[in-house]
Amino acid sequence: MASSTNQFYKKRSNVWNHFTLTNGNMAKCNYCNEKKSFSGGSTGNLLRHIKTKHVTVPLQRSTPQVLIL
């Protein structure tokens, strides 16, 4: 179980392809190194940053994930 000081986040959003987790609830943009908060695990601020500051960057992954059954 994760404590309040040592939290774990499942990185399911494509926005994590463009940010690096720094510490606590902060993430650093891989393009401009600006730090953004993602309080409570919400990536809305990160997504908004990419959409407004880096409009030419595609949000989708460059290679699709393949699930082999």
PDB file of N, CA and C in Angstrom:
ATOM      1  N   MET A   1       0.850  -1.171   0.000  1.00  0.00           N
ATOM      2  CA  MET A   1       0.000   0.000   0.000  1.00  0.00           C
ATOM      3  C   MET A   1       0.897   1.236   0.000  1.00  0.00           C
ATOM      4  N   ALA A   2       0.555   2.241  -0.786  1.00  0.00           N
ATOM      5  CA  ALA A   2       1.365   3.453  -0.905  1.00  0.00           C
ATOM      6  C   ALA A   2       0.997   4.429   0.203  1.00  0.00           C
ATOM      7  N   SER A   3       1.987   4.993   0.840  1.00  0.00           N
ATOM      8  CA  SER A   3       1.728   5.997   1.862  1.00  0.00           C
ATOM      9  C   SER A   3       1.560   7.357   1.209  1.00  0.00           C
ATOM     10  N   SER A   4       1.180   8.365   1.998  1.00  0.00           N
ATOM     11  CA  SER A   4       0.948   9.696   1.429  1.00  0.00           C
ATOM     12  C   SER A   4       2.237  10.347   0.944  1.00  0.00           C
ATOM     13  N   THR A   5       3.384   9.918   1.464  1.00  0.00           N
ATOM     14  CA  THR A   5       4.649  10.508   1.018  1.00  0.00           C
ATOM     15  C   THR A   5       5.279   9.726  -0.129  1.00  0.00           C
ATOM     16  N   ASN A   6       4.845   8.488  -0.314  1.00  0.00           N
ATOM     17  CA  ASN A   6       5.421   7.650  -1.360  1.00  0.00           C
ATOM     18  C   ASN A   6       4.289   7.103  -2.219  1.00  0.00           C
ATOM     19  N   GLN A   7       3.788   7.943  -3.151  1.00  0.00           N
ATOM     20  CA  GLN A   7       2.650   7.555  -3.964  1.00  0.00           C
ATOM     21  C   GLN A   7       3.105   6.970  -5.286  1.00  0.00           C
ATOM     22  N   PHE A   8       2.335   6.025  -5.796  1.00  0.00           N
ATOM     23  CA  PHE A   8       2.620   5.405  -7.074  1.00  0.00           C
ATOM     24  C   PHE A   8       1.499   5.753  -8.037  1.00  0.00           C
ATOM     25  N   TYR A   9       1.841   6.066  -9.260  1.00  0.00           N
ATOM     26  CA  TYR A   9       0.868   6.431 -10.262  1.00  0.00           C
ATOM     27  C   TYR A   9       0.960   5.462 -11.430  1.00  0.00           C
ATOM     28  N   LYS A  10      -0.178   4.990 -11.891  1.00  0.00           N
ATOM     29  CA  LYS A  10      -0.219   4.178 -13.096  1.00  0.00           C
ATOM     30  C   LYS A  10      -0.276   5.138 -14.264  1.00  0.00           C
ATOM     31  N   LYS A  11       0.707   5.088 -15.120  1.00  0.00           N
ATOM     32  CA  LYS A  11       0.808   6.020 -16.237  1.00  0.00           C
ATOM     33  C   LYS A  11       0.070   5.454 -17.439  1.00  0.00           C
ATOM     34  N   ARG A  12      -1.234   5.685 -17.488  1.00  0.00           N
ATOM     35  CA  ARG A  12      -2.046   5.166 -18.582  1.00  0.00           C
ATOM     36  C   ARG A  12      -2.308   6.205 -19.652  1.00  0.00           C
ATOM     37  N   SER A  13      -2.119   7.469 -19.341  1.00  0.00           N
ATOM     38  CA  SER A  13      -2.407   8.541 -20.287  1.00  0.00           C
ATOM     39  C   SER A  13      -1.258   8.720 -21.280  1.00  0.00           C
ATOM     40  N   ASN A  14      -1.617   9.047 -22.528  1.00  0.00           N
ATOM     41  CA  ASN A  14      -0.596   9.313 -23.546  1.00  0.00           C
ATOM     42  C   ASN A  14       0.211  10.565 -23.220  1.00  0.00           C
ATOM     43  N   VAL A  15      -0.304  11.419 -22.353  1.00  0.00           N
ATOM     44  CA  VAL A  15       0.408  12.649 -22.013  1.00  0.00           C
ATOM     45  C   VAL A  15       1.745  12.347 -21.328  1.00  0.00           C
ATOM     46  N   TRP A  16       1.873  11.163 -20.731  1.00  0.00           N
ATOM     47  CA  TRP A  16       3.135  10.799 -20.073  1.00  0.00           C
ATOM     48  C   TRP A  16       4.261  10.550 -21.067  1.00  0.00           C
ATOM     49  N   ASN A  17       3.949  10.459 -22.353  1.00  0.00           N
ATOM     50  CA  ASN A  17       4.996  10.367 -23.369  1.00  0.00           C
ATOM     51  C   ASN A  17       5.730  11.694 -23.515  1.00  0.00           C
ATOM     52  N   HIS A  18       5.166  12.759 -22.963  1.00  0.00           N
ATOM     53  CA  HIS A  18       5.707  14.104 -23.128  1.00  0.00           C
ATOM     54  C   HIS A  18       6.168  14.733 -21.816  1.00  0.00           C
ATOM     55  N   PHE A  19       6.018  14.016 -20.703  1.00  0.00           N
ATOM     56  CA  PHE A  19       6.403  14.527 -19.385  1.00  0.00           C
ATOM     57  C   PHE A  19       7.213  13.490 -18.625  1.00  0.00           C
ATOM     58  N   THR A  20       8.040  13.988 -17.694  1.00  0.00           N
ATOM     59  CA  THR A  20       8.820  13.136 -16.804  1.00  0.00           C
ATOM     60  C   THR A  20       8.420  13.465 -15.376  1.00  0.00           C
ATOM     61  N   LEU A  21       8.118  12.450 -14.603  1.00  0.00           N
ATOM     62  CA  LEU A  21       7.765  12.626 -13.201  1.00  0.00           C
ATOM     63  C   LEU A  21       8.976  13.146 -12.445  1.00  0.00           C
ATOM     64  N   THR A  22       8.811  14.247 -11.697  1.00  0.00           N
ATOM     65  CA  THR A  22       9.939  14.793 -10.941  1.00  0.00           C
ATOM     66  C   THR A  22       9.836  14.376  -9.486  1.00  0.00           C
ATOM     67  N   ASN A  23       8.961  14.992  -8.730  1.00  0.00           N
ATOM     68  CA  ASN A  23       8.777  14.606  -7.331  1.00  0.00           C
ATOM     69  C   ASN A  23       7.378  14.985  -6.879  1.00  0.00           C
ATOM     70  N   GLY A  24       6.832  14.210  -5.964  1.00  0.00           N
ATOM     71  CA  GLY A  24       5.500  14.501  -5.463  1.00  0.00           C
ATOM     72  C   GLY A  24       4.468  14.544  -6.568  1.00  0.00           C
ATOM     73  N   ASN A  25       3.821  15.694  -6.706  1.00  0.00           N
ATOM     74  CA  ASN A  25       2.783  15.866  -7.718  1.00  0.00           C
ATOM     75  C   ASN A  25       3.253  16.771  -8.849  1.00  0.00           C
ATOM     76  N   MET A  26       4.524  16.718  -9.188  1.00  0.00           N
ATOM     77  CA  MET A  26       5.068  17.573 -10.250  1.00  0.00           C
ATOM     78  C   MET A  26       5.623  16.723 -11.389  1.00  0.00           C
ATOM     79  N   ALA A  27       5.457  17.261 -12.607  1.00  0.00           N
ATOM     80  CA  ALA A  27       5.995  16.610 -13.802  1.00  0.00           C
ATOM     81  C   ALA A  27       6.668  17.671 -14.654  1.00  0.00           C
ATOM     82  N   LYS A  28       7.758  17.294 -15.334  1.00  0.00           N
ATOM     83  CA  LYS A  28       8.522  18.228 -16.158  1.00  0.00           C
ATOM     84  C   LYS A  28       8.266  17.938 -17.626  1.00  0.00           C
ATOM     85  N   CYS A  29       7.955  19.001 -18.384  1.00  0.00           N
ATOM     86  CA  CYS A  29       7.728  18.874 -19.822  1.00  0.00           C
ATOM     87  C   CYS A  29       9.039  18.496 -20.500  1.00  0.00           C
ATOM     88  N   ASN A  30       8.983  17.510 -21.391  1.00  0.00           N
ATOM     89  CA  ASN A  30      10.185  17.055 -22.088  1.00  0.00           C
ATOM     90  C   ASN A  30      10.634  18.018 -23.180  1.00  0.00           C
ATOM     91  N   TYR A  31       9.822  19.023 -23.512  1.00  0.00           N
ATOM     92  CA  TYR A  31      10.159  19.963 -24.575  1.00  0.00           C
ATOM     93  C   TYR A  31      10.678  21.298 -24.049  1.00  0.00           C
ATOM     94  N   CYS A  32      10.036  21.841 -23.011  1.00  0.00           N
ATOM     95  CA  CYS A  32      10.446  23.167 -22.526  1.00  0.00           C
ATOM     96  C   CYS A  32      10.912  23.143 -21.073  1.00  0.00           C
ATOM     97  N   ASN A  33      10.910  21.969 -20.436  1.00  0.00           N
ATOM     98  CA  ASN A  33      11.350  21.776 -19.052  1.00  0.00           C
ATOM     99  C   ASN A  33      10.515  22.515 -18.015  1.00  0.00           C
ATOM    100  N   GLU A  34       9.334  22.998 -18.407  1.00  0.00           N
ATOM    101  CA  GLU A  34       8.443  23.656 -17.455  1.00  0.00           C
ATOM    102  C   GLU A  34       7.832  22.598 -16.541  1.00  0.00           C
ATOM    103  N   LYS A  35       7.738  22.904 -15.259  1.00  0.00           N
ATOM    104  CA  LYS A  35       7.165  21.971 -14.294  1.00  0.00           C
ATOM    105  C   LYS A  35       5.686  22.272 -14.108  1.00  0.00           C
ATOM    106  N   LYS A  36       4.891  21.208 -14.109  1.00  0.00           N
ATOM    107  CA  LYS A  36       3.443  21.317 -13.959  1.00  0.00           C
ATOM    108  C   LYS A  36       2.968  20.374 -12.870  1.00  0.00           C
ATOM    109  N   SER A  37       1.895  20.769 -12.201  1.00  0.00           N
ATOM    110  CA  SER A  37       1.305  19.959 -11.153  1.00  0.00           C
ATOM    111  C   SER A  37       0.286  18.996 -11.752  1.00  0.00           C
ATOM    112  N   PHE A  38       0.194  17.802 -11.158  1.00  0.00           N
ATOM    113  CA  PHE A  38      -0.880  16.878 -11.511  1.00  0.00           C
ATOM    114  C   PHE A  38      -1.485  16.344 -10.224  1.00  0.00           C
ATOM    115  N   SER A  39      -2.075  17.258  -9.478  1.00  0.00           N
ATOM    116  CA  SER A  39      -2.640  16.978  -8.166  1.00  0.00           C
ATOM    117  C   SER A  39      -3.654  15.832  -8.210  1.00  0.00           C
ATOM    118  N   GLY A  40      -3.499  14.904  -7.313  1.00  0.00           N
ATOM    119  CA  GLY A  40      -4.416  13.778  -7.224  1.00  0.00           C
ATOM    120  C   GLY A  40      -4.302  12.800  -8.371  1.00  0.00           C
ATOM    121  N   GLY A  41      -3.232  12.882  -9.146  1.00  0.00           N
ATOM    122  CA  GLY A  41      -3.053  11.983 -10.271  1.00  0.00           C
ATOM    123  C   GLY A  41      -3.740  12.457 -11.538  1.00  0.00           C
ATOM    124  N   SER A  42      -4.414  13.604 -11.488  1.00  0.00           N
ATOM    125  CA  SER A  42      -5.099  14.130 -12.664  1.00  0.00           C
ATOM    126  C   SER A  42      -4.096  14.749 -13.627  1.00  0.00           C
ATOM    127  N   THR A  43      -4.177  14.381 -14.892  1.00  0.00           N
ATOM    128  CA  THR A  43      -3.233  14.866 -15.893  1.00  0.00           C
ATOM    129  C   THR A  43      -3.799  16.011 -16.732  1.00  0.00           C
ATOM    130  N   GLY A  44      -4.896  16.613 -16.302  1.00  0.00           N
ATOM    131  CA  GLY A  44      -5.524  17.709 -17.045  1.00  0.00           C
ATOM    132  C   GLY A  44      -4.592  18.879 -17.287  1.00  0.00           C
ATOM    133  N   ASN A  45      -3.826  19.275 -16.277  1.00  0.00           N
ATOM    134  CA  ASN A  45      -2.881  20.381 -16.441  1.00  0.00           C
ATOM    135  C   ASN A  45      -1.795  20.038 -17.456  1.00  0.00           C
ATOM    136  N   LEU A  46      -1.347  18.794 -17.441  1.00  0.00           N
ATOM    137  CA  LEU A  46      -0.305  18.364 -18.369  1.00  0.00           C
ATOM    138  C   LEU A  46      -0.838  18.371 -19.798  1.00  0.00           C
ATOM    139  N   LEU A  47      -2.032  17.854 -19.980  1.00  0.00           N
ATOM    140  CA  LEU A  47      -2.653  17.826 -21.301  1.00  0.00           C
ATOM    141  C   LEU A  47      -2.890  19.239 -21.826  1.00  0.00           C
ATOM    142  N   ARG A  48      -3.373  20.111 -20.972  1.00  0.00           N
ATOM    143  CA  ARG A  48      -3.612  21.506 -21.361  1.00  0.00           C
ATOM    144  C   ARG A  48      -2.312  22.192 -21.775  1.00  0.00           C
ATOM    145  N   HIS A  49      -1.235  21.917 -21.073  1.00  0.00           N
ATOM    146  CA  HIS A  49       0.065  22.496 -21.405  1.00  0.00           C
ATOM    147  C   HIS A  49       0.501  22.071 -22.806  1.00  0.00           C
ATOM    148  N   ILE A  50       0.404  20.787 -23.116  1.00  0.00           N
ATOM    149  CA  ILE A  50       0.811  20.290 -24.431  1.00  0.00           C
ATOM    150  C   ILE A  50      -0.061  20.895 -25.522  1.00  0.00           C
ATOM    151  N   LYS A  51      -1.369  20.961 -25.289  1.00  0.00           N
ATOM    152  CA  LYS A  51      -2.292  21.477 -26.306  1.00  0.00           C
ATOM    153  C   LYS A  51      -2.108  22.963 -26.583  1.00  0.00           C
ATOM    154  N   THR A  52      -1.708  23.739 -25.577  1.00  0.00           N
ATOM    155  CA  THR A  52      -1.588  25.191 -25.759  1.00  0.00           C
ATOM    156  C   THR A  52      -0.173  25.662 -26.063  1.00  0.00           C
ATOM    157  N   LYS A  53       0.821  25.027 -25.498  1.00  0.00           N
ATOM    158  CA  LYS A  53       2.208  25.480 -25.668  1.00  0.00           C
ATOM    159  C   LYS A  53       2.959  24.738 -26.761  1.00  0.00           C
ATOM    160  N   HIS A  54       2.547  23.531 -27.062  1.00  0.00           N
ATOM    161  CA  HIS A  54       3.243  22.707 -28.054  1.00  0.00           C
ATOM    162  C   HIS A  54       2.210  22.131 -29.030  1.00  0.00           C
ATOM    163  N   VAL A  55       1.554  23.011 -29.760  1.00  0.00           N
ATOM    164  CA  VAL A  55       0.418  22.624 -30.599  1.00  0.00           C
ATOM    165  C   VAL A  55       0.807  21.680 -31.735  1.00  0.00           C
ATOM    166  N   THR A  56       2.059  21.655 -32.128  1.00  0.00           N
ATOM    167  CA  THR A  56       2.481  20.784 -33.232  1.00  0.00           C
ATOM    168  C   THR A  56       2.840  19.374 -32.774  1.00  0.00           C
ATOM    169  N   VAL A  57       2.869  19.142 -31.482  1.00  0.00           N
ATOM    170  CA  VAL A  57       3.232  17.831 -30.938  1.00  0.00           C
ATOM    171  C   VAL A  57       1.994  16.941 -30.923  1.00  0.00           C
ATOM    172  N   PRO A  58       2.045  15.784 -31.593  1.00  0.00           N
ATOM    173  CA  PRO A  58       0.894  14.864 -31.562  1.00  0.00           C
ATOM    174  C   PRO A  58       0.786  14.190 -30.195  1.00  0.00           C
ATOM    175  N   LEU A  59      -0.425  14.034 -29.706  1.00  0.00           N
ATOM    176  CA  LEU A  59      -0.626  13.425 -28.393  1.00  0.00           C
ATOM    177  C   LEU A  59      -0.640  11.904 -28.448  1.00  0.00           C
ATOM    178  N   GLN A  60      -0.865  11.343 -29.614  1.00  0.00           N
ATOM    179  CA  GLN A  60      -0.923   9.891 -29.744  1.00  0.00           C
ATOM    180  C   GLN A  60       0.480   9.303 -29.744  1.00  0.00           C
ATOM    181  N   ARG A  61       0.571   8.060 -29.365  1.00  0.00           N
ATOM    182  CA  ARG A  61       1.846   7.350 -29.430  1.00  0.00           C
ATOM    183  C   ARG A  61       2.223   7.153 -30.882  1.00  0.00           C
ATOM    184  N   SER A  62       3.498   7.162 -31.179  1.00  0.00           N
ATOM    185  CA  SER A  62       3.945   7.036 -32.567  1.00  0.00           C
ATOM    186  C   SER A  62       3.738   5.619 -33.099  1.00  0.00           C
ATOM    187  N   THR A  63       3.821   4.619 -32.246  1.00  0.00           N
ATOM    188  CA  THR A  63       3.571   3.248 -32.674  1.00  0.00           C
ATOM    189  C   THR A  63       2.412   2.690 -31.868  1.00  0.00           C
ATOM    190  N   PRO A  64       1.422   2.118 -32.517  1.00  0.00           N
ATOM    191  CA  PRO A  64       0.278   1.579 -31.781  1.00  0.00           C
ATOM    192  C   PRO A  64       0.662   0.356 -30.961  1.00  0.00           C
ATOM    193  N   GLN A  65       0.012   0.222 -29.820  1.00  0.00           N
ATOM    194  CA  GLN A  65       0.258  -0.950 -28.983  1.00  0.00           C
ATOM    195  C   GLN A  65      -0.530  -2.117 -29.551  1.00  0.00           C
ATOM    196  N   VAL A  66       0.079  -3.281 -29.569  1.00  0.00           N
ATOM    197  CA  VAL A  66      -0.563  -4.472 -30.103  1.00  0.00           C
ATOM    198  C   VAL A  66      -0.786  -5.462 -28.970  1.00  0.00           C
ATOM    199  N   LEU A  67      -1.999  -5.934 -28.868  1.00  0.00           N
ATOM    200  CA  LEU A  67      -2.338  -6.930 -27.856  1.00  0.00           C
ATOM    201  C   LEU A  67      -2.414  -8.289 -28.539  1.00  0.00           C
ATOM    202  N   ILE A  68      -1.576  -9.213 -28.134  1.00  0.00           N
ATOM    203  CA  ILE A  68      -1.569 -10.561 -28.712  1.00  0.00           C
ATOM    204  C   ILE A  68      -2.376 -11.483 -27.816  1.00  0.00           C
ATOM    205  N   LEU A  69      -3.398 -12.094 -28.400  1.00  0.00           N
ATOM    206  CA  LEU A  69      -4.271 -12.986 -27.623  1.00  0.00           C
ATOM    207  C   LEU A  69      -3.867 -14.415 -27.759  1.00  0.00           C
TER     208      LEU A  69
END
